N, C-alpha and C. Protein backbone atom coordinates (compact mmCIF):
# COMPACT_ATOMS: atom_id res chain seq x y z
N MET A 1 140.69 61.74 86.51
CA MET A 1 139.63 61.65 85.50
C MET A 1 138.51 62.64 85.85
N SER A 2 138.12 63.46 84.89
CA SER A 2 137.08 64.45 85.14
C SER A 2 135.70 63.79 85.15
N THR A 3 134.82 64.34 85.96
CA THR A 3 133.46 63.83 86.05
C THR A 3 132.59 64.54 85.03
N ARG A 4 131.80 63.77 84.30
CA ARG A 4 130.91 64.38 83.33
C ARG A 4 129.76 65.09 84.03
N GLU A 5 129.40 66.23 83.50
CA GLU A 5 128.28 66.99 84.04
C GLU A 5 126.98 66.47 83.44
N ASN A 6 126.01 66.20 84.30
CA ASN A 6 124.71 65.72 83.84
C ASN A 6 123.86 66.91 83.44
N ILE A 7 123.45 66.95 82.18
CA ILE A 7 122.63 68.04 81.66
C ILE A 7 121.32 67.48 81.12
N VAL A 8 120.23 68.12 81.50
CA VAL A 8 118.90 67.68 81.10
C VAL A 8 118.27 68.72 80.20
N PHE A 9 117.62 68.26 79.13
CA PHE A 9 116.83 69.14 78.26
C PHE A 9 115.41 68.60 78.22
N ALA A 10 114.44 69.51 78.32
CA ALA A 10 113.04 69.10 78.33
C ALA A 10 112.23 69.92 77.32
N ASP A 11 111.48 69.22 76.49
CA ASP A 11 110.52 69.84 75.58
C ASP A 11 109.16 69.27 75.99
N LEU A 12 108.56 69.89 76.99
CA LEU A 12 107.41 69.29 77.66
C LEU A 12 106.11 69.48 76.88
N SER A 13 105.23 68.51 77.06
CA SER A 13 103.90 68.57 76.47
C SER A 13 102.88 68.26 77.56
N HIS A 14 101.76 68.95 77.51
CA HIS A 14 100.65 68.59 78.39
C HIS A 14 100.13 67.21 78.00
N THR A 15 99.81 66.42 78.99
CA THR A 15 99.29 65.07 78.74
C THR A 15 97.98 64.90 79.50
N GLY A 16 97.17 64.01 79.02
CA GLY A 16 95.88 63.73 79.64
C GLY A 16 95.23 62.63 78.83
N THR A 17 94.07 62.91 78.27
CA THR A 17 93.48 61.93 77.36
C THR A 17 94.29 61.80 76.09
N ILE A 18 95.03 62.89 75.74
CA ILE A 18 95.94 62.86 74.60
C ILE A 18 97.24 63.57 74.99
N VAL A 19 98.26 63.38 74.18
CA VAL A 19 99.48 64.17 74.30
C VAL A 19 99.32 65.34 73.35
N SER A 20 99.27 66.55 73.88
CA SER A 20 98.88 67.69 73.06
C SER A 20 99.90 68.02 71.98
N ALA A 21 101.17 67.95 72.29
CA ALA A 21 102.23 68.19 71.30
C ALA A 21 102.92 66.85 71.06
N ASN A 22 102.29 66.03 70.20
CA ASN A 22 102.67 64.61 70.10
C ASN A 22 103.73 64.35 69.03
N PHE A 23 104.85 65.06 69.14
CA PHE A 23 105.94 64.87 68.19
C PHE A 23 107.27 64.81 68.94
N PHE A 24 108.24 64.22 68.27
CA PHE A 24 109.57 64.08 68.87
C PHE A 24 110.16 65.47 69.20
N PRO A 25 110.94 65.57 70.26
CA PRO A 25 111.58 66.84 70.62
C PRO A 25 112.85 67.07 69.80
N LEU A 26 112.66 67.34 68.51
CA LEU A 26 113.79 67.40 67.58
C LEU A 26 114.74 68.55 67.89
N ALA A 27 114.18 69.71 68.25
CA ALA A 27 115.03 70.89 68.46
C ALA A 27 116.03 70.65 69.60
N ILE A 28 115.54 70.19 70.75
CA ILE A 28 116.48 69.93 71.84
C ILE A 28 117.36 68.73 71.52
N GLY A 29 116.87 67.85 70.62
CA GLY A 29 117.70 66.74 70.18
C GLY A 29 118.95 67.21 69.47
N TYR A 30 118.78 68.18 68.58
CA TYR A 30 119.94 68.73 67.87
C TYR A 30 120.89 69.44 68.83
N VAL A 31 120.33 70.21 69.75
CA VAL A 31 121.16 70.93 70.72
C VAL A 31 121.96 69.93 71.57
N ALA A 32 121.28 68.89 72.04
CA ALA A 32 121.94 67.89 72.89
C ALA A 32 122.99 67.11 72.12
N ALA A 33 122.66 66.71 70.89
CA ALA A 33 123.61 65.93 70.09
C ALA A 33 124.88 66.72 69.80
N ASN A 34 124.73 68.00 69.52
CA ASN A 34 125.91 68.82 69.23
C ASN A 34 126.74 69.04 70.49
N LEU A 35 126.07 69.21 71.62
CA LEU A 35 126.80 69.36 72.88
C LEU A 35 127.59 68.10 73.21
N LEU A 36 126.97 66.95 72.99
CA LEU A 36 127.68 65.68 73.21
C LEU A 36 128.86 65.54 72.27
N ASP A 37 128.68 65.98 71.03
CA ASP A 37 129.74 65.86 70.04
C ASP A 37 130.93 66.75 70.37
N LYS A 38 130.65 67.97 70.80
CA LYS A 38 131.72 68.95 71.03
C LYS A 38 132.33 68.82 72.42
N CYS A 39 131.59 68.25 73.36
CA CYS A 39 132.07 68.16 74.75
C CYS A 39 131.89 66.73 75.26
N SER A 40 132.28 65.78 74.46
CA SER A 40 131.97 64.37 74.73
C SER A 40 132.56 63.87 76.05
N GLU A 41 133.69 64.41 76.47
CA GLU A 41 134.33 63.96 77.69
C GLU A 41 133.85 64.71 78.92
N GLN A 42 132.96 65.69 78.70
CA GLN A 42 132.59 66.57 79.81
C GLN A 42 131.12 66.48 80.22
N VAL A 43 130.27 65.94 79.34
CA VAL A 43 128.84 65.97 79.64
C VAL A 43 128.16 64.63 79.38
N ASP A 44 127.11 64.39 80.12
CA ASP A 44 126.11 63.38 79.82
C ASP A 44 124.79 64.13 79.65
N VAL A 45 123.99 63.71 78.69
CA VAL A 45 122.78 64.46 78.36
C VAL A 45 121.59 63.51 78.32
N GLU A 46 120.44 63.98 78.82
CA GLU A 46 119.20 63.22 78.73
C GLU A 46 118.07 64.16 78.33
N LEU A 47 117.18 63.65 77.48
CA LEU A 47 116.05 64.42 76.98
C LEU A 47 114.74 63.94 77.60
N PHE A 48 113.80 64.88 77.75
CA PHE A 48 112.49 64.53 78.30
C PHE A 48 111.38 65.21 77.51
N LYS A 49 110.27 64.49 77.37
CA LYS A 49 109.08 65.01 76.69
C LYS A 49 107.87 64.98 77.63
N TYR A 50 107.74 63.91 78.38
CA TYR A 50 106.58 63.74 79.25
C TYR A 50 106.86 64.29 80.65
N PRO A 51 105.95 65.11 81.20
CA PRO A 51 106.15 65.66 82.55
C PRO A 51 106.37 64.59 83.62
N ASP A 52 105.62 63.49 83.54
CA ASP A 52 105.79 62.45 84.56
C ASP A 52 107.20 61.88 84.56
N ASP A 53 107.77 61.71 83.38
CA ASP A 53 109.14 61.19 83.29
C ASP A 53 110.14 62.18 83.88
N LEU A 54 109.93 63.45 83.59
CA LEU A 54 110.84 64.47 84.14
C LEU A 54 110.70 64.54 85.65
N SER A 55 109.47 64.48 86.15
CA SER A 55 109.26 64.52 87.60
C SER A 55 109.96 63.36 88.30
N ALA A 56 109.87 62.17 87.70
CA ALA A 56 110.52 61.00 88.29
C ALA A 56 112.03 61.18 88.33
N ALA A 57 112.60 61.72 87.26
CA ALA A 57 114.05 61.92 87.22
C ALA A 57 114.48 62.98 88.23
N LEU A 58 113.72 64.07 88.33
CA LEU A 58 114.09 65.14 89.26
C LEU A 58 113.93 64.72 90.71
N SER A 59 113.05 63.76 90.97
CA SER A 59 112.89 63.28 92.34
C SER A 59 114.12 62.53 92.82
N LYS A 60 114.91 62.02 91.86
CA LYS A 60 116.14 61.30 92.20
C LYS A 60 117.35 62.23 92.24
N ARG A 61 117.40 63.14 91.26
CA ARG A 61 118.53 64.06 91.22
C ARG A 61 118.17 65.28 90.38
N ILE A 62 118.45 66.46 90.92
CA ILE A 62 118.26 67.69 90.15
C ILE A 62 119.60 68.05 89.52
N PRO A 63 119.66 68.16 88.21
CA PRO A 63 120.94 68.42 87.56
C PRO A 63 121.44 69.85 87.80
N ARG A 64 122.72 70.05 87.60
CA ARG A 64 123.28 71.39 87.74
C ARG A 64 122.78 72.31 86.63
N ILE A 65 122.58 71.73 85.42
CA ILE A 65 122.10 72.51 84.28
C ILE A 65 120.88 71.81 83.69
N ILE A 66 119.81 72.58 83.50
CA ILE A 66 118.60 72.03 82.88
C ILE A 66 118.06 73.05 81.89
N GLY A 67 117.73 72.58 80.70
CA GLY A 67 117.23 73.45 79.65
C GLY A 67 115.80 73.10 79.29
N PHE A 68 115.02 74.12 78.97
CA PHE A 68 113.63 73.94 78.56
C PHE A 68 113.39 74.62 77.22
N SER A 69 112.66 73.94 76.34
CA SER A 69 112.21 74.58 75.11
C SER A 69 111.01 75.45 75.45
N ASN A 70 110.86 76.54 74.72
CA ASN A 70 109.79 77.50 75.01
C ASN A 70 108.93 77.72 73.78
N TYR A 71 107.74 77.14 73.83
CA TYR A 71 106.71 77.38 72.81
C TYR A 71 105.47 77.92 73.52
N SER A 72 104.54 78.45 72.75
CA SER A 72 103.35 79.04 73.36
C SER A 72 102.56 78.02 74.16
N TRP A 73 102.66 76.74 73.78
CA TRP A 73 101.86 75.70 74.44
C TRP A 73 102.51 75.10 75.68
N ASN A 74 103.78 75.41 75.93
CA ASN A 74 104.38 74.75 77.10
C ASN A 74 105.13 75.69 78.05
N LEU A 75 105.07 77.00 77.81
CA LEU A 75 105.81 77.93 78.66
C LEU A 75 105.36 77.85 80.12
N ASN A 76 104.05 77.91 80.36
CA ASN A 76 103.56 77.87 81.74
C ASN A 76 103.92 76.56 82.43
N LEU A 77 103.80 75.46 81.69
CA LEU A 77 104.14 74.15 82.25
C LEU A 77 105.63 74.11 82.62
N SER A 78 106.48 74.56 81.72
CA SER A 78 107.92 74.55 81.99
C SER A 78 108.27 75.45 83.16
N TYR A 79 107.61 76.60 83.25
CA TYR A 79 107.98 77.54 84.31
C TYR A 79 107.54 77.03 85.69
N GLU A 80 106.48 76.24 85.73
CA GLU A 80 106.12 75.62 87.01
C GLU A 80 107.23 74.68 87.48
N TYR A 81 107.82 73.95 86.53
CA TYR A 81 108.96 73.10 86.89
C TYR A 81 110.14 73.96 87.36
N ILE A 82 110.37 75.04 86.66
CA ILE A 82 111.50 75.91 87.02
C ILE A 82 111.35 76.45 88.43
N LYS A 83 110.14 76.86 88.80
CA LYS A 83 109.92 77.38 90.15
C LYS A 83 110.23 76.33 91.20
N ARG A 84 109.84 75.11 90.95
CA ARG A 84 110.08 74.04 91.92
C ARG A 84 111.55 73.63 91.95
N ILE A 85 112.19 73.64 90.79
CA ILE A 85 113.63 73.33 90.75
C ILE A 85 114.42 74.36 91.54
N LYS A 86 114.11 75.63 91.33
CA LYS A 86 114.85 76.69 92.02
C LYS A 86 114.57 76.67 93.53
N LEU A 87 113.38 76.24 93.91
CA LEU A 87 113.05 76.16 95.33
C LEU A 87 113.89 75.08 96.02
N LYS A 88 114.06 73.94 95.35
CA LYS A 88 114.79 72.82 95.95
C LYS A 88 116.29 72.91 95.69
N SER A 89 116.68 73.51 94.58
CA SER A 89 118.09 73.56 94.21
C SER A 89 118.41 74.93 93.60
N PRO A 90 118.54 75.96 94.44
CA PRO A 90 118.72 77.32 93.95
C PRO A 90 119.92 77.52 93.01
N LYS A 91 120.93 76.68 93.17
CA LYS A 91 122.13 76.86 92.35
C LYS A 91 122.05 76.14 91.00
N SER A 92 120.98 75.37 90.79
CA SER A 92 120.80 74.77 89.47
C SER A 92 120.62 75.86 88.44
N ILE A 93 121.22 75.66 87.28
CA ILE A 93 121.23 76.68 86.23
C ILE A 93 120.15 76.35 85.21
N VAL A 94 119.24 77.28 85.00
CA VAL A 94 118.11 77.07 84.09
C VAL A 94 118.35 77.84 82.80
N VAL A 95 118.31 77.10 81.70
CA VAL A 95 118.46 77.67 80.37
C VAL A 95 117.16 77.46 79.62
N MET A 96 116.73 78.46 78.87
CA MET A 96 115.54 78.30 78.05
C MET A 96 115.85 78.77 76.64
N GLY A 97 115.14 78.19 75.67
CA GLY A 97 115.31 78.61 74.28
C GLY A 97 114.08 78.26 73.49
N GLY A 98 113.90 78.92 72.37
CA GLY A 98 112.73 78.65 71.54
C GLY A 98 112.12 79.94 71.02
N PRO A 99 111.15 79.82 70.13
CA PRO A 99 110.61 80.98 69.43
C PRO A 99 109.64 81.84 70.22
N ASN A 100 109.17 81.36 71.38
CA ASN A 100 108.18 82.10 72.16
C ASN A 100 108.86 83.13 73.04
N TYR A 101 109.48 84.11 72.39
CA TYR A 101 110.30 85.11 73.07
C TYR A 101 110.12 86.43 72.33
N GLY A 102 110.27 87.52 73.02
CA GLY A 102 109.98 88.82 72.42
C GLY A 102 110.91 89.21 71.29
N LEU A 103 110.38 90.03 70.39
CA LEU A 103 111.18 90.56 69.28
C LEU A 103 111.55 92.02 69.50
N THR A 104 110.76 92.73 70.32
CA THR A 104 111.03 94.14 70.60
C THR A 104 111.65 94.28 71.99
N GLU A 105 112.24 95.45 72.24
CA GLU A 105 112.85 95.70 73.55
C GLU A 105 111.82 95.58 74.66
N GLY A 106 110.62 96.11 74.42
CA GLY A 106 109.58 96.05 75.43
C GLY A 106 109.15 94.62 75.73
N GLU A 107 109.02 93.81 74.69
CA GLU A 107 108.62 92.41 74.88
C GLU A 107 109.68 91.63 75.63
N VAL A 108 110.94 91.88 75.30
CA VAL A 108 112.03 91.19 75.98
C VAL A 108 112.09 91.58 77.46
N SER A 109 111.94 92.87 77.73
CA SER A 109 111.95 93.33 79.13
C SER A 109 110.80 92.73 79.92
N GLU A 110 109.63 92.67 79.28
CA GLU A 110 108.48 92.09 79.96
C GLU A 110 108.69 90.60 80.25
N PHE A 111 109.32 89.91 79.30
CA PHE A 111 109.60 88.49 79.51
C PHE A 111 110.45 88.29 80.76
N TRP A 112 111.53 89.06 80.88
CA TRP A 112 112.44 88.87 82.00
C TRP A 112 111.81 89.30 83.32
N SER A 113 110.90 90.27 83.28
CA SER A 113 110.22 90.66 84.52
C SER A 113 109.24 89.59 84.99
N ARG A 114 108.68 88.82 84.05
CA ARG A 114 107.72 87.78 84.39
C ARG A 114 108.39 86.46 84.72
N TYR A 115 109.54 86.20 84.09
CA TYR A 115 110.18 84.88 84.22
C TYR A 115 111.62 85.03 84.72
N SER A 116 111.75 85.68 85.84
CA SER A 116 113.07 86.07 86.34
C SER A 116 113.89 84.90 86.87
N LEU A 117 113.27 83.73 87.06
CA LEU A 117 114.02 82.57 87.57
C LEU A 117 114.86 81.91 86.49
N ILE A 118 114.63 82.27 85.25
CA ILE A 118 115.44 81.74 84.16
C ILE A 118 116.81 82.41 84.20
N ASP A 119 117.86 81.63 84.07
CA ASP A 119 119.21 82.19 84.13
C ASP A 119 119.70 82.68 82.77
N PHE A 120 119.43 81.91 81.72
CA PHE A 120 119.92 82.27 80.39
C PHE A 120 118.86 81.92 79.35
N TYR A 121 118.74 82.77 78.34
CA TYR A 121 117.83 82.47 77.23
C TYR A 121 118.64 82.45 75.94
N ILE A 122 118.56 81.33 75.23
CA ILE A 122 119.23 81.21 73.94
C ILE A 122 118.24 81.57 72.84
N VAL A 123 118.56 82.59 72.10
CA VAL A 123 117.69 83.06 71.02
C VAL A 123 118.19 82.49 69.69
N PHE A 124 117.27 82.33 68.75
CA PHE A 124 117.59 81.74 67.45
C PHE A 124 118.19 80.34 67.63
N GLU A 125 119.17 79.97 66.84
CA GLU A 125 119.69 78.60 66.89
C GLU A 125 120.48 78.35 68.17
N GLY A 126 120.31 77.13 68.70
CA GLY A 126 120.90 76.84 69.99
C GLY A 126 122.09 75.90 70.00
N GLU A 127 122.39 75.26 68.87
CA GLU A 127 123.42 74.22 68.90
C GLU A 127 124.79 74.78 69.28
N VAL A 128 125.26 75.77 68.56
CA VAL A 128 126.58 76.36 68.84
C VAL A 128 126.53 77.18 70.13
N ALA A 129 125.42 77.89 70.32
CA ALA A 129 125.30 78.76 71.49
C ALA A 129 125.34 77.97 72.79
N MET A 130 124.73 76.79 72.81
CA MET A 130 124.72 75.99 74.03
C MET A 130 126.11 75.49 74.38
N VAL A 131 126.88 75.13 73.39
CA VAL A 131 128.27 74.72 73.64
C VAL A 131 129.06 75.87 74.24
N GLU A 132 128.88 77.06 73.68
CA GLU A 132 129.60 78.23 74.17
C GLU A 132 129.17 78.56 75.60
N LEU A 133 127.87 78.47 75.87
CA LEU A 133 127.38 78.75 77.21
C LEU A 133 127.92 77.73 78.21
N PHE A 134 127.90 76.46 77.85
CA PHE A 134 128.42 75.44 78.75
C PHE A 134 129.90 75.69 79.08
N LYS A 135 130.68 76.00 78.07
CA LYS A 135 132.11 76.24 78.31
C LYS A 135 132.32 77.47 79.18
N ALA A 136 131.51 78.50 78.98
CA ALA A 136 131.63 79.70 79.80
C ALA A 136 131.28 79.41 81.25
N LEU A 137 130.23 78.63 81.46
CA LEU A 137 129.84 78.26 82.82
C LEU A 137 130.91 77.40 83.49
N LYS A 138 131.46 76.47 82.75
CA LYS A 138 132.49 75.60 83.30
C LYS A 138 133.74 76.41 83.69
N SER A 139 134.03 77.44 82.91
CA SER A 139 135.23 78.25 83.16
C SER A 139 135.14 79.04 84.46
N VAL A 140 133.90 79.30 84.93
CA VAL A 140 133.72 80.00 86.21
C VAL A 140 133.20 79.05 87.29
N ASP A 141 133.44 77.76 87.07
CA ASP A 141 133.02 76.72 88.02
C ASP A 141 131.52 76.81 88.29
N TYR A 142 130.76 77.09 87.25
CA TYR A 142 129.30 77.14 87.29
C TYR A 142 128.76 78.19 88.25
N ASP A 143 129.56 79.23 88.48
CA ASP A 143 129.12 80.34 89.32
C ASP A 143 128.44 81.37 88.43
N VAL A 144 127.12 81.31 88.39
CA VAL A 144 126.35 82.18 87.50
C VAL A 144 126.57 83.65 87.83
N ASN A 145 126.68 83.97 89.11
CA ASN A 145 126.85 85.37 89.51
C ASN A 145 128.13 85.98 88.96
N THR A 146 129.20 85.17 88.93
CA THR A 146 130.46 85.66 88.38
C THR A 146 130.32 86.01 86.91
N LEU A 147 129.70 85.13 86.16
CA LEU A 147 129.51 85.36 84.73
C LEU A 147 128.63 86.58 84.49
N LYS A 148 127.55 86.68 85.26
CA LYS A 148 126.61 87.78 85.04
C LYS A 148 127.17 89.12 85.52
N THR A 149 127.87 89.12 86.64
CA THR A 149 128.44 90.36 87.15
C THR A 149 129.43 90.95 86.17
N ASN A 150 130.19 90.09 85.51
CA ASN A 150 131.17 90.55 84.52
C ASN A 150 130.53 90.87 83.17
N LYS A 151 129.22 90.61 83.08
CA LYS A 151 128.46 90.91 81.84
C LYS A 151 129.15 90.34 80.60
N ILE A 152 129.57 89.09 80.73
CA ILE A 152 130.23 88.41 79.60
C ILE A 152 129.19 88.14 78.52
N LYS A 153 129.46 88.60 77.32
CA LYS A 153 128.51 88.42 76.22
C LYS A 153 128.78 87.09 75.51
N LEU A 154 127.72 86.33 75.36
CA LEU A 154 127.80 85.03 74.71
C LEU A 154 126.90 85.03 73.49
N HIS A 155 127.35 84.43 72.41
CA HIS A 155 126.60 84.44 71.17
C HIS A 155 125.20 83.83 71.35
N ASN A 156 124.20 84.50 70.78
CA ASN A 156 122.80 84.03 70.79
C ASN A 156 122.26 83.84 72.20
N CYS A 157 122.81 84.54 73.17
CA CYS A 157 122.43 84.33 74.56
C CYS A 157 122.06 85.64 75.23
N HIS A 158 120.93 85.64 75.91
CA HIS A 158 120.49 86.77 76.71
C HIS A 158 120.43 86.36 78.18
N TYR A 159 120.72 87.30 79.05
CA TYR A 159 120.51 87.08 80.47
C TYR A 159 120.38 88.42 81.18
N GLN A 160 119.85 88.37 82.39
CA GLN A 160 119.63 89.59 83.16
C GLN A 160 120.71 89.75 84.20
N SER A 161 121.34 90.91 84.21
CA SER A 161 122.35 91.24 85.20
C SER A 161 121.92 92.54 85.87
N GLY A 162 121.38 92.42 87.07
CA GLY A 162 120.79 93.60 87.71
C GLY A 162 119.58 94.05 86.91
N ASN A 163 119.59 95.30 86.51
CA ASN A 163 118.49 95.84 85.71
C ASN A 163 118.81 95.84 84.22
N VAL A 164 119.94 95.24 83.86
CA VAL A 164 120.39 95.24 82.47
C VAL A 164 120.18 93.86 81.85
N ILE A 165 119.66 93.82 80.64
CA ILE A 165 119.57 92.56 79.90
C ILE A 165 120.77 92.51 78.95
N VAL A 166 121.66 91.59 79.23
CA VAL A 166 122.88 91.44 78.43
C VAL A 166 122.57 90.57 77.22
N LYS A 167 122.95 91.05 76.03
CA LYS A 167 122.63 90.35 74.79
C LYS A 167 123.91 90.11 73.99
N GLY A 168 124.16 88.85 73.68
CA GLY A 168 125.31 88.54 72.84
C GLY A 168 124.99 88.74 71.37
N GLU A 169 126.02 88.79 70.56
CA GLU A 169 125.84 88.93 69.13
C GLU A 169 125.19 87.68 68.53
N HIS A 170 124.48 87.88 67.42
CA HIS A 170 123.83 86.75 66.75
C HIS A 170 124.83 85.95 65.93
N LEU A 171 124.72 84.65 66.04
CA LEU A 171 125.53 83.76 65.20
C LEU A 171 124.90 83.64 63.82
N PRO A 172 125.69 83.42 62.79
CA PRO A 172 125.10 83.16 61.47
C PRO A 172 124.33 81.85 61.48
N ARG A 173 123.24 81.81 60.72
CA ARG A 173 122.44 80.59 60.65
C ARG A 173 123.25 79.45 60.06
N ILE A 174 123.05 78.25 60.60
CA ILE A 174 123.70 77.07 60.06
C ILE A 174 123.07 76.74 58.71
N ALA A 175 123.87 76.79 57.67
CA ALA A 175 123.34 76.61 56.32
C ALA A 175 123.27 75.14 55.91
N ASP A 176 124.20 74.36 56.42
CA ASP A 176 124.29 72.95 56.04
C ASP A 176 124.04 72.08 57.27
N LEU A 177 122.86 71.44 57.30
CA LEU A 177 122.51 70.65 58.47
C LEU A 177 123.36 69.39 58.63
N THR A 178 124.09 69.02 57.58
CA THR A 178 124.97 67.86 57.72
C THR A 178 126.17 68.18 58.61
N GLU A 179 126.35 69.47 58.93
CA GLU A 179 127.41 69.84 59.87
C GLU A 179 127.06 69.41 61.30
N LEU A 180 125.79 69.17 61.55
CA LEU A 180 125.34 68.82 62.90
C LEU A 180 125.22 67.31 63.04
N PRO A 181 125.60 66.77 64.20
CA PRO A 181 125.39 65.34 64.44
C PRO A 181 123.89 65.03 64.55
N SER A 182 123.52 63.85 64.13
CA SER A 182 122.11 63.45 64.16
C SER A 182 121.69 63.02 65.56
N PRO A 183 120.61 63.60 66.10
CA PRO A 183 120.13 63.12 67.41
C PRO A 183 119.57 61.70 67.34
N TYR A 184 119.26 61.23 66.14
CA TYR A 184 118.78 59.85 65.99
C TYR A 184 119.94 58.88 66.04
N LEU A 185 121.01 59.17 65.34
CA LEU A 185 122.15 58.25 65.29
C LEU A 185 122.90 58.18 66.61
N THR A 186 122.77 59.22 67.43
CA THR A 186 123.42 59.19 68.75
C THR A 186 122.62 58.37 69.76
N GLY A 187 121.39 58.00 69.41
CA GLY A 187 120.56 57.24 70.33
C GLY A 187 119.71 58.09 71.27
N LEU A 188 119.84 59.41 71.17
CA LEU A 188 119.08 60.28 72.07
C LEU A 188 117.58 60.17 71.87
N MET A 189 117.17 59.79 70.66
CA MET A 189 115.74 59.74 70.35
C MET A 189 115.11 58.36 70.57
N ASP A 190 115.91 57.38 70.92
CA ASP A 190 115.38 56.01 71.03
C ASP A 190 114.19 55.92 71.98
N LYS A 191 114.24 56.62 73.07
CA LYS A 191 113.20 56.51 74.09
C LYS A 191 111.85 57.04 73.62
N PHE A 192 111.84 57.82 72.55
CA PHE A 192 110.60 58.44 72.10
C PHE A 192 109.84 57.62 71.06
N PHE A 193 110.41 56.50 70.65
CA PHE A 193 109.70 55.59 69.75
C PHE A 193 108.73 54.74 70.58
N ASP A 194 107.65 55.37 71.00
CA ASP A 194 106.72 54.70 71.91
C ASP A 194 105.35 54.47 71.28
N GLY A 195 105.21 54.72 70.00
CA GLY A 195 103.93 54.53 69.34
C GLY A 195 102.96 55.68 69.53
N ILE A 196 103.36 56.68 70.29
CA ILE A 196 102.52 57.85 70.54
C ILE A 196 103.08 59.09 69.86
N LEU A 197 104.36 59.31 70.06
CA LEU A 197 105.00 60.49 69.48
C LEU A 197 105.36 60.25 68.02
N ILE A 198 105.28 61.32 67.23
CA ILE A 198 105.55 61.25 65.79
C ILE A 198 106.99 61.67 65.53
N PRO A 199 107.80 60.81 64.90
CA PRO A 199 109.18 61.20 64.57
C PRO A 199 109.20 62.40 63.63
N MET A 200 110.20 63.23 63.81
CA MET A 200 110.37 64.41 62.96
C MET A 200 111.78 64.45 62.40
N THR A 201 111.93 65.03 61.22
CA THR A 201 113.24 65.30 60.65
C THR A 201 113.26 66.75 60.18
N SER A 202 114.44 67.26 59.94
CA SER A 202 114.59 68.64 59.46
C SER A 202 115.46 68.63 58.22
N THR A 203 115.00 69.31 57.18
CA THR A 203 115.76 69.35 55.92
C THR A 203 116.30 70.74 55.62
N THR A 204 115.79 71.76 56.29
CA THR A 204 116.27 73.12 56.07
C THR A 204 116.01 73.94 57.32
N ARG A 205 116.66 75.08 57.42
CA ARG A 205 116.50 75.95 58.57
C ARG A 205 115.73 77.21 58.19
N GLY A 206 114.82 77.60 59.07
CA GLY A 206 114.09 78.84 58.87
C GLY A 206 112.79 78.67 58.13
N CYS A 207 111.79 79.46 58.51
CA CYS A 207 110.49 79.41 57.84
C CYS A 207 110.50 80.33 56.62
N PRO A 208 110.09 79.85 55.45
CA PRO A 208 110.13 80.70 54.25
C PRO A 208 109.08 81.80 54.26
N PHE A 209 108.09 81.71 55.13
CA PHE A 209 106.99 82.68 55.13
C PHE A 209 107.26 83.89 56.02
N LYS A 210 108.22 83.79 56.95
CA LYS A 210 108.62 84.92 57.78
C LYS A 210 107.47 85.52 58.57
N CYS A 211 106.47 84.73 58.94
CA CYS A 211 105.29 85.28 59.60
C CYS A 211 105.61 85.84 60.98
N THR A 212 106.72 85.36 61.60
CA THR A 212 107.06 85.85 62.93
C THR A 212 108.13 86.91 62.88
């Protein structure tokens, strides 16, 4: 019997007198739900929003794969966790995704020079790309160096191999959200009904204003 891989996704928010980003982590919810659906016999997944909860979990066990959402309000917070994770568990694989990423070659290069501890960055939609990345990692027994040295291109995925940033082809946008399993119906969101965070739903993909 194969052992399921424990995978953690975190969409962190600063906390104090208030929770600054006080909404459900819907984006990582979709990514996690689809990964569970497509690799149900291979993975266990847990989501985190509050830093204290993530710290408590990491004090018990650092997972082999951990993903962070990247927004302008939580990049520094997430990267502090990444630095500590890599210090204690260098072979843990760090994945990041989200809109706070460069659009030009210069911006992308600057990102990787500043945040070199990140192993993989998923650009645009992450549901299909995360499944592909997980399968690729499993195929090389989670040896990141093997995957990077061979410069294997993965859809919607960027990573640094030496001085080269390897970029996979873009996947077409998911047009019908009913193709994706619901993170609510899978129970992944149950822990966030705490009276503080605001539930979110998604009815369409992409911003109609194209401001970014």
